[in-house]
Amino acid sequence: MMRQNELQQRFSQIENTIHQAAQRCQSAQAVPMDLKDCIQQLDQQTTQARNMLQSQDENQIRQYVDNLEQLGDRAKDACEHSSGNVDGELKNAIMQAHRELSDLKHQLH
């Protein structure tokens, strides 16, 4: 498993990316509700995960990252099926968050 400080750094980067996507989602016009819901859930879960990451329980950390990655998958799918209602910056932020979560998941397994 990754060292604790490396995990914290990676997760902070992911948290920032997701938070930026959530802010863009709130300010963007005509974003589908399912996409807004996914991003909002992802933003809330990453905030809650901050405390969980202090845990030394590797299985719990892996499970939480797996759950976040599934939410990231849902957000990516919602973005791809939005019929062009998502601006380029928001789409890039969502795709970046998804990639970062996926990469972290694979590093932890």
PDB file of N, CA and C in Angstrom:
ATOM      1  N   MET A   1       0.849  -1.189   0.000  1.00  0.00           N
ATOM      2  CA  MET A   1       0.000   0.000   0.000  1.00  0.00           C
ATOM      3  C   MET A   1       0.890   1.247   0.000  1.00  0.00           C
ATOM      4  N   MET A   2       0.327   2.332  -0.448  1.00  0.00           N
ATOM      5  CA  MET A   2       1.058   3.592  -0.504  1.00  0.00           C
ATOM      6  C   MET A   2       1.371   4.077   0.909  1.00  0.00           C
ATOM      7  N   ARG A   3       2.421   4.849   1.020  1.00  0.00           N
ATOM      8  CA  ARG A   3       2.717   5.474   2.312  1.00  0.00           C
ATOM      9  C   ARG A   3       1.620   6.476   2.634  1.00  0.00           C
ATOM     10  N   GLN A   4       1.394   6.682   3.909  1.00  0.00           N
ATOM     11  CA  GLN A   4       0.308   7.537   4.378  1.00  0.00           C
ATOM     12  C   GLN A   4       0.414   8.955   3.826  1.00  0.00           C
ATOM     13  N   ASN A   5       1.627   9.523   3.838  1.00  0.00           N
ATOM     14  CA  ASN A   5       1.748  10.906   3.355  1.00  0.00           C
ATOM     15  C   ASN A   5       1.530  10.999   1.843  1.00  0.00           C
ATOM     16  N   GLU A   6       1.944   9.974   1.104  1.00  0.00           N
ATOM     17  CA  GLU A   6       1.702   9.964  -0.341  1.00  0.00           C
ATOM     18  C   GLU A   6       0.207   9.840  -0.630  1.00  0.00           C
ATOM     19  N   LEU A   7      -0.462   8.997   0.136  1.00  0.00           N
ATOM     20  CA  LEU A   7      -1.902   8.835  -0.002  1.00  0.00           C
ATOM     21  C   LEU A   7      -2.619  10.156   0.299  1.00  0.00           C
ATOM     22  N   GLN A   8      -2.193  10.837   1.350  1.00  0.00           N
ATOM     23  CA  GLN A   8      -2.793  12.120   1.715  1.00  0.00           C
ATOM     24  C   GLN A   8      -2.606  13.148   0.599  1.00  0.00           C
ATOM     25  N   GLN A   9      -1.422  13.196   0.014  1.00  0.00           N
ATOM     26  CA  GLN A   9      -1.149  14.153  -1.076  1.00  0.00           C
ATOM     27  C   GLN A   9      -2.023  13.863  -2.289  1.00  0.00           C
ATOM     28  N   ARG A  10      -2.070  12.592  -2.683  1.00  0.00           N
ATOM     29  CA  ARG A  10      -2.884  12.208  -3.841  1.00  0.00           C
ATOM     30  C   ARG A  10      -4.346  12.536  -3.602  1.00  0.00           C
ATOM     31  N   PHE A  11      -4.812  12.227  -2.391  1.00  0.00           N
ATOM     32  CA  PHE A  11      -6.206  12.454  -2.099  1.00  0.00           C
ATOM     33  C   PHE A  11      -6.527  13.946  -2.059  1.00  0.00           C
ATOM     34  N   SER A  12      -5.623  14.755  -1.555  1.00  0.00           N
ATOM     35  CA  SER A  12      -5.829  16.211  -1.553  1.00  0.00           C
ATOM     36  C   SER A  12      -5.978  16.736  -2.968  1.00  0.00           C
ATOM     37  N   GLN A  13      -5.151  16.237  -3.868  1.00  0.00           N
ATOM     38  CA  GLN A  13      -5.232  16.638  -5.271  1.00  0.00           C
ATOM     39  C   GLN A  13      -6.591  16.235  -5.852  1.00  0.00           C
ATOM     40  N   ILE A  14      -7.027  15.013  -5.571  1.00  0.00           N
ATOM     41  CA  ILE A  14      -8.324  14.539  -6.058  1.00  0.00           C
ATOM     42  C   ILE A  14      -9.451  15.375  -5.468  1.00  0.00           C
ATOM     43  N   GLU A  15      -9.350  15.647  -4.183  1.00  0.00           N
ATOM     44  CA  GLU A  15     -10.374  16.445  -3.504  1.00  0.00           C
ATOM     45  C   GLU A  15     -10.491  17.836  -4.141  1.00  0.00           C
ATOM     46  N   ASN A  16      -9.370  18.461  -4.447  1.00  0.00           N
ATOM     47  CA  ASN A  16      -9.380  19.777  -5.091  1.00  0.00           C
ATOM     48  C   ASN A  16     -10.019  19.715  -6.475  1.00  0.00           C
ATOM     49  N   THR A  17      -9.673  18.693  -7.243  1.00  0.00           N
ATOM     50  CA  THR A  17     -10.232  18.534  -8.585  1.00  0.00           C
ATOM     51  C   THR A  17     -11.744  18.366  -8.516  1.00  0.00           C
ATOM     52  N   ILE A  18     -12.204  17.535  -7.589  1.00  0.00           N
ATOM     53  CA  ILE A  18     -13.643  17.293  -7.452  1.00  0.00           C
ATOM     54  C   ILE A  18     -14.356  18.551  -6.965  1.00  0.00           C
ATOM     55  N   HIS A  19     -13.744  19.256  -6.046  1.00  0.00           N
ATOM     56  CA  HIS A  19     -14.361  20.479  -5.541  1.00  0.00           C
ATOM     57  C   HIS A  19     -14.495  21.524  -6.658  1.00  0.00           C
ATOM     58  N   GLN A  20     -13.478  21.623  -7.498  1.00  0.00           N
ATOM     59  CA  GLN A  20     -13.552  22.549  -8.636  1.00  0.00           C
ATOM     60  C   GLN A  20     -14.670  22.136  -9.590  1.00  0.00           C
ATOM     61  N   ALA A  21     -14.791  20.828  -9.836  1.00  0.00           N
ATOM     62  CA  ALA A  21     -15.869  20.339 -10.710  1.00  0.00           C
ATOM     63  C   ALA A  21     -17.229  20.661 -10.098  1.00  0.00           C
ATOM     64  N   ALA A  22     -17.361  20.510  -8.783  1.00  0.00           N
ATOM     65  CA  ALA A  22     -18.631  20.810  -8.101  1.00  0.00           C
ATOM     66  C   ALA A  22     -18.960  22.294  -8.212  1.00  0.00           C
ATOM     67  N   GLN A  23     -17.959  23.155  -8.057  1.00  0.00           N
ATOM     68  CA  GLN A  23     -18.192  24.590  -8.182  1.00  0.00           C
ATOM     69  C   GLN A  23     -18.612  24.960  -9.608  1.00  0.00           C
ATOM     70  N   ARG A  24     -17.945  24.369 -10.594  1.00  0.00           N
ATOM     71  CA  ARG A  24     -18.305  24.632 -11.993  1.00  0.00           C
ATOM     72  C   ARG A  24     -19.716  24.132 -12.288  1.00  0.00           C
ATOM     73  N   CYS A  25     -20.047  22.991 -11.713  1.00  0.00           N
ATOM     74  CA  CYS A  25     -21.365  22.389 -11.921  1.00  0.00           C
ATOM     75  C   CYS A  25     -22.459  23.300 -11.366  1.00  0.00           C
ATOM     76  N   GLN A  26     -22.219  23.905 -10.218  1.00  0.00           N
ATOM     77  CA  GLN A  26     -23.204  24.789  -9.606  1.00  0.00           C
ATOM     78  C   GLN A  26     -23.387  26.077 -10.407  1.00  0.00           C
ATOM     79  N   SER A  27     -22.314  26.573 -10.999  1.00  0.00           N
ATOM     80  CA  SER A  27     -22.406  27.847 -11.713  1.00  0.00           C
ATOM     81  C   SER A  27     -22.780  27.689 -13.187  1.00  0.00           C
ATOM     82  N   ALA A  28     -22.651  26.492 -13.721  1.00  0.00           N
ATOM     83  CA  ALA A  28     -22.940  26.263 -15.137  1.00  0.00           C
ATOM     84  C   ALA A  28     -24.449  26.245 -15.383  1.00  0.00           C
ATOM     85  N   GLN A  29     -24.821  26.643 -16.564  1.00  0.00           N
ATOM     86  CA  GLN A  29     -26.227  26.643 -16.970  1.00  0.00           C
ATOM     87  C   GLN A  29     -26.571  25.319 -17.649  1.00  0.00           C
ATOM     88  N   ALA A  30     -27.775  24.872 -17.459  1.00  0.00           N
ATOM     89  CA  ALA A  30     -28.336  23.709 -18.173  1.00  0.00           C
ATOM     90  C   ALA A  30     -27.569  22.404 -17.948  1.00  0.00           C
ATOM     91  N   VAL A  31     -26.989  22.231 -16.765  1.00  0.00           N
ATOM     92  CA  VAL A  31     -26.329  20.961 -16.459  1.00  0.00           C
ATOM     93  C   VAL A  31     -27.413  19.980 -16.011  1.00  0.00           C
ATOM     94  N   PRO A  32     -27.424  18.778 -16.584  1.00  0.00           N
ATOM     95  CA  PRO A  32     -28.443  17.800 -16.200  1.00  0.00           C
ATOM     96  C   PRO A  32     -28.415  17.504 -14.690  1.00  0.00           C
ATOM     97  N   MET A  33     -29.591  17.288 -14.127  1.00  0.00           N
ATOM     98  CA  MET A  33     -29.713  17.090 -12.686  1.00  0.00           C
ATOM     99  C   MET A  33     -28.951  15.852 -12.219  1.00  0.00           C
ATOM    100  N   ASP A  34     -28.962  14.779 -12.996  1.00  0.00           N
ATOM    101  CA  ASP A  34     -28.247  13.576 -12.563  1.00  0.00           C
ATOM    102  C   ASP A  34     -26.743  13.828 -12.468  1.00  0.00           C
ATOM    103  N   LEU A  35     -26.215  14.656 -13.349  1.00  0.00           N
ATOM    104  CA  LEU A  35     -24.793  15.007 -13.284  1.00  0.00           C
ATOM    105  C   LEU A  35     -24.516  15.864 -12.055  1.00  0.00           C
ATOM    106  N   LYS A  36     -25.374  16.857 -11.806  1.00  0.00           N
ATOM    107  CA  LYS A  36     -25.219  17.688 -10.607  1.00  0.00           C
ATOM    108  C   LYS A  36     -25.255  16.832  -9.345  1.00  0.00           C
ATOM    109  N   ASP A  37     -26.182  15.886  -9.298  1.00  0.00           N
ATOM    110  CA  ASP A  37     -26.305  15.005  -8.129  1.00  0.00           C
ATOM    111  C   ASP A  37     -25.042  14.170  -7.923  1.00  0.00           C
ATOM    112  N   CYS A  38     -24.525  13.598  -9.003  1.00  0.00           N
ATOM    113  CA  CYS A  38     -23.301  12.776  -8.914  1.00  0.00           C
ATOM    114  C   CYS A  38     -22.129  13.595  -8.384  1.00  0.00           C
ATOM    115  N   ILE A  39     -21.947  14.771  -8.939  1.00  0.00           N
ATOM    116  CA  ILE A  39     -20.813  15.615  -8.541  1.00  0.00           C
ATOM    117  C   ILE A  39     -20.979  16.073  -7.098  1.00  0.00           C
ATOM    118  N   GLN A  40     -22.204  16.421  -6.713  1.00  0.00           N
ATOM    119  CA  GLN A  40     -22.452  16.841  -5.335  1.00  0.00           C
ATOM    120  C   GLN A  40     -22.154  15.691  -4.361  1.00  0.00           C
ATOM    121  N   GLN A  41     -22.602  14.488  -4.681  1.00  0.00           N
ATOM    122  CA  GLN A  41     -22.315  13.325  -3.830  1.00  0.00           C
ATOM    123  C   GLN A  41     -20.816  13.080  -3.748  1.00  0.00           C
ATOM    124  N   LEU A  42     -20.149  13.171  -4.869  1.00  0.00           N
ATOM    125  CA  LEU A  42     -18.704  12.955  -4.907  1.00  0.00           C
ATOM    126  C   LEU A  42     -17.986  13.992  -4.047  1.00  0.00           C
ATOM    127  N   ASP A  43     -18.408  15.231  -4.146  1.00  0.00           N
ATOM    128  CA  ASP A  43     -17.807  16.303  -3.349  1.00  0.00           C
ATOM    129  C   ASP A  43     -18.029  16.050  -1.857  1.00  0.00           C
ATOM    130  N   GLN A  44     -19.221  15.657  -1.476  1.00  0.00           N
ATOM    131  CA  GLN A  44     -19.523  15.374  -0.068  1.00  0.00           C
ATOM    132  C   GLN A  44     -18.720  14.174   0.434  1.00  0.00           C
ATOM    133  N   GLN A  45     -18.646  13.131  -0.373  1.00  0.00           N
ATOM    134  CA  GLN A  45     -17.930  11.917   0.038  1.00  0.00           C
ATOM    135  C   GLN A  45     -16.431  12.169   0.186  1.00  0.00           C
ATOM    136  N   THR A  46     -15.859  12.973  -0.688  1.00  0.00           N
ATOM    137  CA  THR A  46     -14.422  13.241  -0.564  1.00  0.00           C
ATOM    138  C   THR A  46     -14.137  14.067   0.677  1.00  0.00           C
ATOM    139  N   THR A  47     -15.061  14.964   1.019  1.00  0.00           N
ATOM    140  CA  THR A  47     -14.892  15.746   2.246  1.00  0.00           C
ATOM    141  C   THR A  47     -14.950  14.831   3.463  1.00  0.00           C
ATOM    142  N   GLN A  48     -15.883  13.894   3.468  1.00  0.00           N
ATOM    143  CA  GLN A  48     -16.008  12.953   4.578  1.00  0.00           C
ATOM    144  C   GLN A  48     -14.825  11.989   4.636  1.00  0.00           C
ATOM    145  N   ALA A  49     -14.258  11.696   3.496  1.00  0.00           N
ATOM    146  CA  ALA A  49     -13.148  10.743   3.437  1.00  0.00           C
ATOM    147  C   ALA A  49     -11.893  11.269   4.118  1.00  0.00           C
ATOM    148  N   ARG A  50     -11.777  12.580   4.232  1.00  0.00           N
ATOM    149  CA  ARG A  50     -10.589  13.177   4.848  1.00  0.00           C
ATOM    150  C   ARG A  50     -10.307  12.543   6.213  1.00  0.00           C
ATOM    151  N   ASN A  51     -11.326  12.402   7.059  1.00  0.00           N
ATOM    152  CA  ASN A  51     -11.140  11.788   8.383  1.00  0.00           C
ATOM    153  C   ASN A  51     -10.835  10.302   8.275  1.00  0.00           C
ATOM    154  N   MET A  52     -11.501   9.630   7.365  1.00  0.00           N
ATOM    155  CA  MET A  52     -11.301   8.196   7.201  1.00  0.00           C
ATOM    156  C   MET A  52      -9.869   7.873   6.784  1.00  0.00           C
ATOM    157  N   LEU A  53      -9.235   8.742   6.035  1.00  0.00           N
ATOM    158  CA  LEU A  53      -7.885   8.478   5.558  1.00  0.00           C
ATOM    159  C   LEU A  53      -6.851   8.470   6.678  1.00  0.00           C
ATOM    160  N   GLN A  54      -7.217   9.003   7.827  1.00  0.00           N
ATOM    161  CA  GLN A  54      -6.312   8.957   8.977  1.00  0.00           C
ATOM    162  C   GLN A  54      -6.212   7.532   9.525  1.00  0.00           C
ATOM    163  N   SER A  55      -7.170   6.726   9.162  1.00  0.00           N
ATOM    164  CA  SER A  55      -7.208   5.338   9.601  1.00  0.00           C
ATOM    165  C   SER A  55      -6.025   4.563   9.013  1.00  0.00           C
ATOM    166  N   GLN A  56      -5.586   3.583   9.728  1.00  0.00           N
ATOM    167  CA  GLN A  56      -4.534   2.716   9.211  1.00  0.00           C
ATOM    168  C   GLN A  56      -5.112   1.440   8.611  1.00  0.00           C
ATOM    169  N   ASP A  57      -6.435   1.352   8.549  1.00  0.00           N
ATOM    170  CA  ASP A  57      -7.126   0.173   8.031  1.00  0.00           C
ATOM    171  C   ASP A  57      -7.097   0.200   6.499  1.00  0.00           C
ATOM    172  N   GLU A  58      -6.186  -0.543   5.917  1.00  0.00           N
ATOM    173  CA  GLU A  58      -5.998  -0.526   4.463  1.00  0.00           C
ATOM    174  C   GLU A  58      -7.238  -0.993   3.718  1.00  0.00           C
ATOM    175  N   ASN A  59      -7.932  -1.997   4.257  1.00  0.00           N
ATOM    176  CA  ASN A  59      -9.137  -2.498   3.588  1.00  0.00           C
ATOM    177  C   ASN A  59     -10.234  -1.432   3.562  1.00  0.00           C
ATOM    178  N   GLN A  60     -10.381  -0.704   4.661  1.00  0.00           N
ATOM    179  CA  GLN A  60     -11.384   0.357   4.729  1.00  0.00           C
ATOM    180  C   GLN A  60     -11.049   1.475   3.736  1.00  0.00           C
ATOM    181  N   ILE A  61      -9.789   1.832   3.662  1.00  0.00           N
ATOM    182  CA  ILE A  61      -9.357   2.875   2.722  1.00  0.00           C
ATOM    183  C   ILE A  61      -9.621   2.432   1.285  1.00  0.00           C
ATOM    184  N   ARG A  62      -9.257   1.188   0.960  1.00  0.00           N
ATOM    185  CA  ARG A  62      -9.497   0.671  -0.391  1.00  0.00           C
ATOM    186  C   ARG A  62     -10.983   0.703  -0.733  1.00  0.00           C
ATOM    187  N   GLN A  63     -11.812   0.261   0.207  1.00  0.00           N
ATOM    188  CA  GLN A  63     -13.254   0.220  -0.036  1.00  0.00           C
ATOM    189  C   GLN A  63     -13.806   1.626  -0.278  1.00  0.00           C
ATOM    190  N   TYR A  64     -13.330   2.581   0.494  1.00  0.00           N
ATOM    191  CA  TYR A  64     -13.807   3.952   0.336  1.00  0.00           C
ATOM    192  C   TYR A  64     -13.389   4.518  -1.016  1.00  0.00           C
ATOM    193  N   VAL A  65     -12.151   4.269  -1.402  1.00  0.00           N
ATOM    194  CA  VAL A  65     -11.684   4.738  -2.713  1.00  0.00           C
ATOM    195  C   VAL A  65     -12.459   4.042  -3.826  1.00  0.00           C
ATOM    196  N   ASP A  66     -12.757   2.756  -3.656  1.00  0.00           N
ATOM    197  CA  ASP A  66     -13.571   2.034  -4.648  1.00  0.00           C
ATOM    198  C   ASP A  66     -14.941   2.693  -4.800  1.00  0.00           C
ATOM    199  N   ASN A  67     -15.549   3.045  -3.678  1.00  0.00           N
ATOM    200  CA  ASN A  67     -16.859   3.701  -3.719  1.00  0.00           C
ATOM    201  C   ASN A  67     -16.786   5.058  -4.411  1.00  0.00           C
ATOM    202  N   LEU A  68     -15.733   5.814  -4.116  1.00  0.00           N
ATOM    203  CA  LEU A  68     -15.547   7.113  -4.772  1.00  0.00           C
ATOM    204  C   LEU A  68     -15.357   6.935  -6.275  1.00  0.00           C
ATOM    205  N   GLU A  69     -14.614   5.913  -6.652  1.00  0.00           N
ATOM    206  CA  GLU A  69     -14.369   5.672  -8.074  1.00  0.00           C
ATOM    207  C   GLU A  69     -15.679   5.304  -8.781  1.00  0.00           C
ATOM    208  N   GLN A  70     -16.553   4.565  -8.106  1.00  0.00           N
ATOM    209  CA  GLN A  70     -17.860   4.235  -8.694  1.00  0.00           C
ATOM    210  C   GLN A  70     -18.700   5.494  -8.901  1.00  0.00           C
ATOM    211  N   LEU A  71     -18.658   6.399  -7.930  1.00  0.00           N
ATOM    212  CA  LEU A  71     -19.346   7.683  -8.110  1.00  0.00           C
ATOM    213  C   LEU A  71     -18.733   8.457  -9.273  1.00  0.00           C
ATOM    214  N   GLY A  72     -17.406   8.389  -9.380  1.00  0.00           N
ATOM    215  CA  GLY A  72     -16.724   9.030 -10.505  1.00  0.00           C
ATOM    216  C   GLY A  72     -17.161   8.441 -11.837  1.00  0.00           C
ATOM    217  N   ASP A  73     -17.361   7.119 -11.871  1.00  0.00           N
ATOM    218  CA  ASP A  73     -17.872   6.461 -13.080  1.00  0.00           C
ATOM    219  C   ASP A  73     -19.261   6.992 -13.443  1.00  0.00           C
ATOM    220  N   ARG A  74     -20.107   7.124 -12.429  1.00  0.00           N
ATOM    221  CA  ARG A  74     -21.470   7.631 -12.666  1.00  0.00           C
ATOM    222  C   ARG A  74     -21.425   9.056 -13.207  1.00  0.00           C
ATOM    223  N   ALA A  75     -20.546   9.882 -12.629  1.00  0.00           N
ATOM    224  CA  ALA A  75     -20.427  11.266 -13.094  1.00  0.00           C
ATOM    225  C   ALA A  75     -19.914  11.307 -14.533  1.00  0.00           C
ATOM    226  N   LYS A  76     -18.933  10.480 -14.833  1.00  0.00           N
ATOM    227  CA  LYS A  76     -18.388  10.422 -16.195  1.00  0.00           C
ATOM    228  C   LYS A  76     -19.472   9.992 -17.179  1.00  0.00           C
ATOM    229  N   ASP A  77     -20.218   8.950 -16.831  1.00  0.00           N
ATOM    230  CA  ASP A  77     -21.298   8.474 -17.706  1.00  0.00           C
ATOM    231  C   ASP A  77     -22.364   9.557 -17.906  1.00  0.00           C
ATOM    232  N   ALA A  78     -22.748  10.213 -16.816  1.00  0.00           N
ATOM    233  CA  ALA A  78     -23.758  11.279 -16.908  1.00  0.00           C
ATOM    234  C   ALA A  78     -23.248  12.412 -17.791  1.00  0.00           C
ATOM    235  N   CYS A  79     -21.970  12.714 -17.686  1.00  0.00           N
ATOM    236  CA  CYS A  79     -21.363  13.767 -18.499  1.00  0.00           C
ATOM    237  C   CYS A  79     -21.374  13.375 -19.975  1.00  0.00           C
ATOM    238  N   GLU A  80     -21.021  12.133 -20.256  1.00  0.00           N
ATOM    239  CA  GLU A  80     -20.969  11.666 -21.642  1.00  0.00           C
ATOM    240  C   GLU A  80     -22.353  11.584 -22.280  1.00  0.00           C
ATOM    241  N   HIS A  81     -23.395  11.383 -21.465  1.00  0.00           N
ATOM    242  CA  HIS A  81     -24.753  11.245 -21.984  1.00  0.00           C
ATOM    243  C   HIS A  81     -25.570  12.529 -21.835  1.00  0.00           C
ATOM    244  N   SER A  82     -24.911  13.634 -21.664  1.00  0.00           N
ATOM    245  CA  SER A  82     -25.608  14.895 -21.397  1.00  0.00           C
ATOM    246  C   SER A  82     -26.035  15.636 -22.661  1.00  0.00           C
ATOM    247  N   SER A  83     -25.842  15.047 -23.802  1.00  0.00           N
ATOM    248  CA  SER A  83     -26.254  15.643 -25.082  1.00  0.00           C
ATOM    249  C   SER A  83     -25.665  17.029 -25.321  1.00  0.00           C
ATOM    250  N   GLY A  84     -24.419  17.220 -24.952  1.00  0.00           N
ATOM    251  CA  GLY A  84     -23.748  18.478 -25.226  1.00  0.00           C
ATOM    252  C   GLY A  84     -24.120  19.626 -24.295  1.00  0.00           C
ATOM    253  N   ASN A  85     -24.795  19.318 -23.179  1.00  0.00           N
ATOM    254  CA  ASN A  85     -25.202  20.363 -22.233  1.00  0.00           C
ATOM    255  C   ASN A  85     -24.127  20.691 -21.206  1.00  0.00           C
ATOM    256  N   VAL A  86     -22.946  20.145 -21.380  1.00  0.00           N
ATOM    257  CA  VAL A  86     -21.864  20.360 -20.421  1.00  0.00           C
ATOM    258  C   VAL A  86     -20.740  21.091 -21.138  1.00  0.00           C
ATOM    259  N   ASP A  87     -20.327  22.233 -20.567  1.00  0.00           N
ATOM    260  CA  ASP A  87     -19.257  22.991 -21.214  1.00  0.00           C
ATOM    261  C   ASP A  87     -17.923  22.246 -21.082  1.00  0.00           C
ATOM    262  N   GLY A  88     -16.980  22.648 -21.900  1.00  0.00           N
ATOM    263  CA  GLY A  88     -15.696  21.953 -21.982  1.00  0.00           C
ATOM    264  C   GLY A  88     -14.921  21.939 -20.679  1.00  0.00           C
ATOM    265  N   GLU A  89     -14.927  23.045 -19.949  1.00  0.00           N
ATOM    266  CA  GLU A  89     -14.181  23.103 -18.692  1.00  0.00           C
ATOM    267  C   GLU A  89     -14.752  22.143 -17.660  1.00  0.00           C
ATOM    268  N   LEU A  90     -16.081  22.100 -17.564  1.00  0.00           N
ATOM    269  CA  LEU A  90     -16.720  21.188 -16.610  1.00  0.00           C
ATOM    270  C   LEU A  90     -16.452  19.741 -17.003  1.00  0.00           C
ATOM    271  N   LYS A  91     -16.581  19.440 -18.281  1.00  0.00           N
ATOM    272  CA  LYS A  91     -16.324  18.073 -18.756  1.00  0.00           C
ATOM    273  C   LYS A  91     -14.880  17.670 -18.459  1.00  0.00           C
ATOM    274  N   ASN A  92     -13.930  18.568 -18.712  1.00  0.00           N
ATOM    275  CA  ASN A  92     -12.526  18.268 -18.427  1.00  0.00           C
ATOM    276  C   ASN A  92     -12.299  18.010 -16.944  1.00  0.00           C
ATOM    277  N   ALA A  93     -12.938  18.816 -16.083  1.00  0.00           N
ATOM    278  CA  ALA A  93     -12.782  18.635 -14.633  1.00  0.00           C
ATOM    279  C   ALA A  93     -13.350  17.290 -14.189  1.00  0.00           C
ATOM    280  N   ILE A  94     -14.488  16.910 -14.736  1.00  0.00           N
ATOM    281  CA  ILE A  94     -15.102  15.618 -14.383  1.00  0.00           C
ATOM    282  C   ILE A  94     -14.229  14.464 -14.859  1.00  0.00           C
ATOM    283  N   MET A  95     -13.748  14.560 -16.075  1.00  0.00           N
ATOM    284  CA  MET A  95     -12.900  13.490 -16.620  1.00  0.00           C
ATOM    285  C   MET A  95     -11.583  13.384 -15.847  1.00  0.00           C
ATOM    286  N   GLN A  96     -11.022  14.520 -15.455  1.00  0.00           N
ATOM    287  CA  GLN A  96      -9.781  14.500 -14.677  1.00  0.00           C
ATOM    288  C   GLN A  96     -10.017  13.861 -13.314  1.00  0.00           C
ATOM    289  N   ALA A  97     -11.108  14.218 -12.651  1.00  0.00           N
ATOM    290  CA  ALA A  97     -11.431  13.630 -11.353  1.00  0.00           C
ATOM    291  C   ALA A  97     -11.603  12.121 -11.484  1.00  0.00           C
ATOM    292  N   HIS A  98     -12.273  11.700 -12.538  1.00  0.00           N
ATOM    293  CA  HIS A  98     -12.468  10.267 -12.771  1.00  0.00           C
ATOM    294  C   HIS A  98     -11.134   9.558 -12.971  1.00  0.00           C
ATOM    295  N   ARG A  99     -10.263  10.140 -13.788  1.00  0.00           N
ATOM    296  CA  ARG A  99      -8.943   9.534 -14.040  1.00  0.00           C
ATOM    297  C   ARG A  99      -8.138   9.417 -12.748  1.00  0.00           C
ATOM    298  N   GLU A 100      -8.151  10.481 -11.946  1.00  0.00           N
ATOM    299  CA  GLU A 100      -7.366  10.480 -10.714  1.00  0.00           C
ATOM    300  C   GLU A 100      -7.890   9.434  -9.725  1.00  0.00           C
ATOM    301  N   LEU A 101      -9.209   9.322  -9.613  1.00  0.00           N
ATOM    302  CA  LEU A 101      -9.786   8.310  -8.729  1.00  0.00           C
ATOM    303  C   LEU A 101      -9.464   6.908  -9.238  1.00  0.00           C
ATOM    304  N   SER A 102      -9.573   6.713 -10.525  1.00  0.00           N
ATOM    305  CA  SER A 102      -9.270   5.409 -11.109  1.00  0.00           C
ATOM    306  C   SER A 102      -7.804   5.037 -10.905  1.00  0.00           C
ATOM    307  N   ASP A 103      -6.915   5.997 -11.124  1.00  0.00           N
ATOM    308  CA  ASP A 103      -5.484   5.738 -10.912  1.00  0.00           C
ATOM    309  C   ASP A 103      -5.192   5.378  -9.456  1.00  0.00           C
ATOM    310  N   LEU A 104      -5.794   6.116  -8.532  1.00  0.00           N
ATOM    311  CA  LEU A 104      -5.585   5.831  -7.118  1.00  0.00           C
ATOM    312  C   LEU A 104      -6.120   4.456  -6.752  1.00  0.00           C
ATOM    313  N   LYS A 105      -7.277   4.127  -7.264  1.00  0.00           N
ATOM    314  CA  LYS A 105      -7.854   2.798  -7.002  1.00  0.00           C
ATOM    315  C   LYS A 105      -6.897   1.709  -7.460  1.00  0.00           C
ATOM    316  N   HIS A 106      -6.365   1.844  -8.657  1.00  0.00           N
ATOM    317  CA  HIS A 106      -5.456   0.818  -9.183  1.00  0.00           C
ATOM    318  C   HIS A 106      -4.158   0.748  -8.394  1.00  0.00           C
ATOM    319  N   GLN A 107      -3.696   1.866  -7.880  1.00  0.00           N
ATOM    320  CA  GLN A 107      -2.477   1.848  -7.062  1.00  0.00           C
ATOM    321  C   GLN A 107      -2.709   1.153  -5.721  1.00  0.00           C
ATOM    322  N   LEU A 108      -3.921   1.254  -5.211  1.00  0.00           N
ATOM    323  CA  LEU A 108      -4.221   0.667  -3.914  1.00  0.00           C
ATOM    324  C   LEU A 108      -4.497  -0.832  -3.989  1.00  0.00           C
ATOM    325  N   HIS A 109      -4.783  -1.331  -5.178  1.00  0.00           N
ATOM    326  CA  HIS A 109      -5.105  -2.768  -5.310  1.00  0.00           C
ATOM    327  C   HIS A 109      -3.937  -3.569  -5.781  1.00  0.00           C
TER     328      HIS A 109
END
